[in-house]
Amino acid sequence: MAEPLKTKTEQTLNQLISKISQLPYQEKIISLLQFHSSYACQSELLQDYASETQQLIDQCFAHNNERLFDRLNDQLELLTKCAVNQKIEDISNESNYTSRLGRMHKKLAEYRQYLTRFDDQIRLNPNLPDNHQLRVRRQRCLDAIEKLESQISRFEQKRNFY
């Protein structure tokens, strides 16, 4: 019973991605996908979101986990809305640019606060080994900051290009 349902779900995903890829306002759709809570992906490519959803389909049917199914449902629901709704909020490019850039800067500030907390904790415990969980988390935080700074830079360059 689960296999036909999985196949049907995969077919639905492929139909939605095909429909969305033909729409003229893909950048707005990708922007919505980037900031939706059900997606971990932060890509500029629609195919990356399709891949994440496909992986989630595989996980759902392999593990039969209710939380995974809820997340899959959220992703498919969002993709359906994007594919069907011909009037994705028609926001001017300028306001879309500033709100998206503002969210990125807000997230960057939040990451930097985390980094400060990690540094404070490490300063209080200077004898921690290099592989201690606190140092690992600090490094992941640094990596996230670098990635986000790179995204902001690309976004600003892209905006200045047009």
C-alpha atoms as a PDB file:
ATOM      1  CA  MET A   1       0.000   0.000   0.000  1.00  0.00           C
ATOM      2  CA  ALA A   2       2.810   2.419   0.827  1.00  0.00           C
ATOM      3  CA  GLU A   3       4.621   1.919  -2.502  1.00  0.00           C
ATOM      4  CA  PRO A   4       1.759   3.172  -4.743  1.00  0.00           C
ATOM      5  CA  LEU A   5       1.322   6.153  -2.419  1.00  0.00           C
ATOM      6  CA  LYS A   6       5.030   6.926  -2.599  1.00  0.00           C
ATOM      7  CA  THR A   7       4.929   6.719  -6.402  1.00  0.00           C
ATOM      8  CA  LYS A   8       1.890   8.997  -6.530  1.00  0.00           C
ATOM      9  CA  THR A   9       3.606  11.492  -4.206  1.00  0.00           C
ATOM     10  CA  GLU A  10       6.721  11.484  -6.393  1.00  0.00           C
ATOM     11  CA  GLN A  11       4.582  12.025  -9.509  1.00  0.00           C
ATOM     12  CA  THR A  12       2.847  14.945  -7.808  1.00  0.00           C
ATOM     13  CA  LEU A  13       6.199  16.466  -6.881  1.00  0.00           C
ATOM     14  CA  ASN A  14       7.458  16.118 -10.456  1.00  0.00           C
ATOM     15  CA  GLN A  15       4.285  17.722 -11.841  1.00  0.00           C
ATOM     16  CA  LEU A  16       4.536  20.641  -9.408  1.00  0.00           C
ATOM     17  CA  ILE A  17       8.213  21.268 -10.165  1.00  0.00           C
ATOM     18  CA  SER A  18       7.522  21.057 -13.889  1.00  0.00           C
ATOM     19  CA  LYS A  19       4.688  23.583 -13.591  1.00  0.00           C
ATOM     20  CA  ILE A  20       6.702  25.960 -11.394  1.00  0.00           C
ATOM     21  CA  SER A  21       9.731  25.784 -13.702  1.00  0.00           C
ATOM     22  CA  GLN A  22       7.579  27.147 -16.530  1.00  0.00           C
ATOM     23  CA  LEU A  23       6.350  30.161 -14.572  1.00  0.00           C
ATOM     24  CA  PRO A  24       7.879  33.588 -15.278  1.00  0.00           C
ATOM     25  CA  TYR A  25       8.229  34.643 -11.627  1.00  0.00           C
ATOM     26  CA  GLN A  26      10.503  31.870 -10.358  1.00  0.00           C
ATOM     27  CA  GLU A  27      12.685  34.253  -8.349  1.00  0.00           C
ATOM     28  CA  LYS A  28       9.709  35.214  -6.179  1.00  0.00           C
ATOM     29  CA  ILE A  29       8.814  31.568  -5.708  1.00  0.00           C
ATOM     30  CA  ILE A  30      12.383  30.641  -4.779  1.00  0.00           C
ATOM     31  CA  SER A  31      12.428  33.537  -2.329  1.00  0.00           C
ATOM     32  CA  LEU A  32       9.303  32.106  -0.674  1.00  0.00           C
ATOM     33  CA  LEU A  33      10.856  28.645  -0.548  1.00  0.00           C
ATOM     34  CA  GLN A  34      14.096  29.971   0.968  1.00  0.00           C
ATOM     35  CA  PHE A  35      12.344  31.435   3.968  1.00  0.00           C
ATOM     36  CA  HIS A  36       9.716  28.755   4.517  1.00  0.00           C
ATOM     37  CA  SER A  37      10.201  26.823   7.738  1.00  0.00           C
ATOM     38  CA  SER A  38       9.717  23.408   6.127  1.00  0.00           C
ATOM     39  CA  TYR A  39      12.826  23.758   3.937  1.00  0.00           C
ATOM     40  CA  ALA A  40      16.377  23.484   5.224  1.00  0.00           C
ATOM     41  CA  CYS A  41      17.701  24.356   1.770  1.00  0.00           C
ATOM     42  CA  GLN A  42      18.788  27.957   1.122  1.00  0.00           C
ATOM     43  CA  SER A  43      19.520  27.588  -2.576  1.00  0.00           C
ATOM     44  CA  GLU A  44      18.838  29.869  -5.515  1.00  0.00           C
ATOM     45  CA  LEU A  45      17.881  26.835  -7.638  1.00  0.00           C
ATOM     46  CA  LEU A  46      14.432  25.270  -7.827  1.00  0.00           C
ATOM     47  CA  GLN A  47      15.940  21.833  -8.434  1.00  0.00           C
ATOM     48  CA  ASP A  48      17.624  21.888  -5.007  1.00  0.00           C
ATOM     49  CA  TYR A  49      14.207  22.289  -3.354  1.00  0.00           C
ATOM     50  CA  ALA A  50      12.840  19.459  -5.489  1.00  0.00           C
ATOM     51  CA  SER A  51      15.762  17.277  -4.378  1.00  0.00           C
ATOM     52  CA  GLU A  52      15.160  18.091  -0.715  1.00  0.00           C
ATOM     53  CA  THR A  53      11.484  17.184  -1.071  1.00  0.00           C
ATOM     54  CA  GLN A  54      12.390  13.952  -2.898  1.00  0.00           C
ATOM     55  CA  GLN A  55      14.779  13.005  -0.079  1.00  0.00           C
ATOM     56  CA  LEU A  56      12.033  13.739   2.422  1.00  0.00           C
ATOM     57  CA  ILE A  57       9.635  11.484   0.493  1.00  0.00           C
ATOM     58  CA  ASP A  58      12.203   8.676   0.676  1.00  0.00           C
ATOM     59  CA  GLN A  59      12.725   9.232   4.419  1.00  0.00           C
ATOM     60  CA  CYS A  60       8.990   9.364   5.127  1.00  0.00           C
ATOM     61  CA  PHE A  61       8.242   6.070   3.475  1.00  0.00           C
ATOM     62  CA  ALA A  62      11.355   4.401   4.898  1.00  0.00           C
ATOM     63  CA  HIS A  63      10.805   5.447   8.517  1.00  0.00           C
ATOM     64  CA  ASN A  64       7.041   6.103   8.681  1.00  0.00           C
ATOM     65  CA  ASN A  65       7.581   9.105  10.972  1.00  0.00           C
ATOM     66  CA  GLU A  66       4.639  11.444  11.555  1.00  0.00           C
ATOM     67  CA  ARG A  67       6.841  14.531  11.901  1.00  0.00           C
ATOM     68  CA  LEU A  68       8.501  13.824   8.574  1.00  0.00           C
ATOM     69  CA  PHE A  69       5.097  13.389   6.946  1.00  0.00           C
ATOM     70  CA  ASP A  70       3.959  16.724   8.410  1.00  0.00           C
ATOM     71  CA  ARG A  71       7.023  18.430   6.986  1.00  0.00           C
ATOM     72  CA  LEU A  72       6.484  16.739   3.619  1.00  0.00           C
ATOM     73  CA  ASN A  73       2.880  17.882   3.654  1.00  0.00           C
ATOM     74  CA  ASP A  74       3.998  21.465   4.347  1.00  0.00           C
ATOM     75  CA  GLN A  75       6.474  21.363   1.472  1.00  0.00           C
ATOM     76  CA  LEU A  76       3.992  19.904  -1.016  1.00  0.00           C
ATOM     77  CA  GLU A  77       1.311  22.349   0.095  1.00  0.00           C
ATOM     78  CA  LEU A  78       3.667  25.283  -0.463  1.00  0.00           C
ATOM     79  CA  LEU A  79       4.739  23.986  -3.881  1.00  0.00           C
ATOM     80  CA  THR A  80       1.086  23.509  -4.833  1.00  0.00           C
ATOM     81  CA  LYS A  81       0.237  27.066  -3.833  1.00  0.00           C
ATOM     82  CA  CYS A  82       3.178  28.347  -5.867  1.00  0.00           C
ATOM     83  CA  ALA A  83       2.212  26.269  -8.916  1.00  0.00           C
ATOM     84  CA  VAL A  84      -1.491  27.099  -8.828  1.00  0.00           C
ATOM     85  CA  ASN A  85      -1.540  30.689  -7.641  1.00  0.00           C
ATOM     86  CA  GLN A  86      -0.921  32.951 -10.617  1.00  0.00           C
ATOM     87  CA  LYS A  87      -0.769  35.989  -8.330  1.00  0.00           C
ATOM     88  CA  ILE A  88       2.157  35.426  -6.027  1.00  0.00           C
ATOM     89  CA  GLU A  89       2.253  38.615  -4.030  1.00  0.00           C
ATOM     90  CA  ASP A  90       3.210  41.124  -6.687  1.00  0.00           C
ATOM     91  CA  ILE A  91       5.630  43.070  -4.565  1.00  0.00           C
ATOM     92  CA  SER A  92       7.832  45.626  -6.241  1.00  0.00           C
ATOM     93  CA  ASN A  93      11.415  44.482  -6.736  1.00  0.00           C
ATOM     94  CA  GLU A  94      12.677  47.229  -4.444  1.00  0.00           C
ATOM     95  CA  SER A  95      10.547  46.238  -1.445  1.00  0.00           C
ATOM     96  CA  ASN A  96      11.243  42.546  -2.056  1.00  0.00           C
ATOM     97  CA  TYR A  97      14.944  43.325  -2.197  1.00  0.00           C
ATOM     98  CA  THR A  98      14.985  45.323   1.032  1.00  0.00           C
ATOM     99  CA  SER A  99      12.807  42.916   2.997  1.00  0.00           C
ATOM    100  CA  ARG A 100      14.823  39.885   1.908  1.00  0.00           C
ATOM    101  CA  LEU A 101      18.123  41.652   2.496  1.00  0.00           C
ATOM    102  CA  GLY A 102      16.845  42.884   5.856  1.00  0.00           C
ATOM    103  CA  ARG A 103      15.965  39.334   6.900  1.00  0.00           C
ATOM    104  CA  MET A 104      19.420  38.160   5.872  1.00  0.00           C
ATOM    105  CA  HIS A 105      21.097  40.898   7.906  1.00  0.00           C
ATOM    106  CA  LYS A 106      18.857  40.147  10.884  1.00  0.00           C
ATOM    107  CA  LYS A 107      19.830  36.474  10.712  1.00  0.00           C
ATOM    108  CA  LEU A 108      23.505  37.475  10.416  1.00  0.00           C
ATOM    109  CA  ALA A 109      23.232  39.600  13.565  1.00  0.00           C
ATOM    110  CA  GLU A 110      21.615  36.665  15.364  1.00  0.00           C
ATOM    111  CA  TYR A 111      24.448  34.334  14.305  1.00  0.00           C
ATOM    112  CA  ARG A 112      27.028  36.850  15.498  1.00  0.00           C
ATOM    113  CA  GLN A 113      25.315  36.973  18.903  1.00  0.00           C
ATOM    114  CA  TYR A 114      25.600  33.191  19.093  1.00  0.00           C
ATOM    115  CA  LEU A 115      29.276  33.440  18.190  1.00  0.00           C
ATOM    116  CA  THR A 116      29.834  35.967  20.980  1.00  0.00           C
ATOM    117  CA  ARG A 117      28.170  33.612  23.472  1.00  0.00           C
ATOM    118  CA  PHE A 118      30.342  30.706  22.323  1.00  0.00           C
ATOM    119  CA  ASP A 119      33.475  32.855  22.631  1.00  0.00           C
ATOM    120  CA  ASP A 120      32.451  33.915  26.145  1.00  0.00           C
ATOM    121  CA  GLN A 121      31.891  30.306  27.203  1.00  0.00           C
ATOM    122  CA  ILE A 122      35.219  29.231  25.724  1.00  0.00           C
ATOM    123  CA  ARG A 123      36.992  32.092  27.510  1.00  0.00           C
ATOM    124  CA  LEU A 124      35.481  30.882  30.800  1.00  0.00           C
ATOM    125  CA  ASN A 125      36.738  27.343  30.092  1.00  0.00           C
ATOM    126  CA  PRO A 126      40.130  27.778  28.400  1.00  0.00           C
ATOM    127  CA  ASN A 127      41.214  24.159  28.920  1.00  0.00           C
ATOM    128  CA  LEU A 128      38.572  22.636  26.652  1.00  0.00           C
ATOM    129  CA  PRO A 129      39.956  20.200  24.077  1.00  0.00           C
ATOM    130  CA  ASP A 130      39.791  21.197  20.402  1.00  0.00           C
ATOM    131  CA  ASN A 131      37.142  18.582  19.677  1.00  0.00           C
ATOM    132  CA  HIS A 132      34.848  19.699  22.515  1.00  0.00           C
ATOM    133  CA  GLN A 133      31.217  20.166  21.481  1.00  0.00           C
ATOM    134  CA  LEU A 134      31.349  23.880  22.309  1.00  0.00           C
ATOM    135  CA  ARG A 135      34.241  24.457  19.919  1.00  0.00           C
ATOM    136  CA  VAL A 136      32.521  22.374  17.243  1.00  0.00           C
ATOM    137  CA  ARG A 137      29.335  24.423  17.590  1.00  0.00           C
ATOM    138  CA  ARG A 138      31.372  27.629  17.451  1.00  0.00           C
ATOM    139  CA  GLN A 139      32.984  26.487  14.202  1.00  0.00           C
ATOM    140  CA  ARG A 140      29.600  25.619  12.702  1.00  0.00           C
ATOM    141  CA  CYS A 141      28.409  29.075  13.699  1.00  0.00           C
ATOM    142  CA  LEU A 142      31.439  30.649  11.979  1.00  0.00           C
ATOM    143  CA  ASP A 143      30.738  28.589   8.861  1.00  0.00           C
ATOM    144  CA  ALA A 144      27.107  29.737   8.855  1.00  0.00           C
ATOM    145  CA  ILE A 145      28.203  33.367   9.213  1.00  0.00           C
ATOM    146  CA  GLU A 146      30.602  33.037   6.284  1.00  0.00           C
ATOM    147  CA  LYS A 147      27.934  31.359   4.156  1.00  0.00           C
ATOM    148  CA  LEU A 148      25.363  34.026   4.962  1.00  0.00           C
ATOM    149  CA  GLU A 149      27.841  36.846   4.308  1.00  0.00           C
ATOM    150  CA  SER A 150      28.565  35.253   0.941  1.00  0.00           C
ATOM    151  CA  GLN A 151      24.829  35.045   0.161  1.00  0.00           C
ATOM    152  CA  ILE A 152      24.354  38.691   1.119  1.00  0.00           C
ATOM    153  CA  SER A 153      27.279  39.708  -1.059  1.00  0.00           C
ATOM    154  CA  ARG A 154      25.951  37.735  -4.057  1.00  0.00           C
ATOM    155  CA  PHE A 155      22.476  39.121  -3.499  1.00  0.00           C
ATOM    156  CA  GLU A 156      23.745  42.703  -3.397  1.00  0.00           C
ATOM    157  CA  GLN A 157      25.916  42.168  -6.481  1.00  0.00           C
ATOM    158  CA  LYS A 158      22.979  40.634  -8.323  1.00  0.00           C
ATOM    159  CA  ARG A 159      20.795  43.579  -7.341  1.00  0.00           C
ATOM    160  CA  ASN A 160      23.407  46.118  -8.461  1.00  0.00           C
ATOM    161  CA  PHE A 161      23.816  44.260 -11.756  1.00  0.00           C
ATOM    162  CA  TYR A 162      20.198  44.925 -12.770  1.00  0.00           C
END
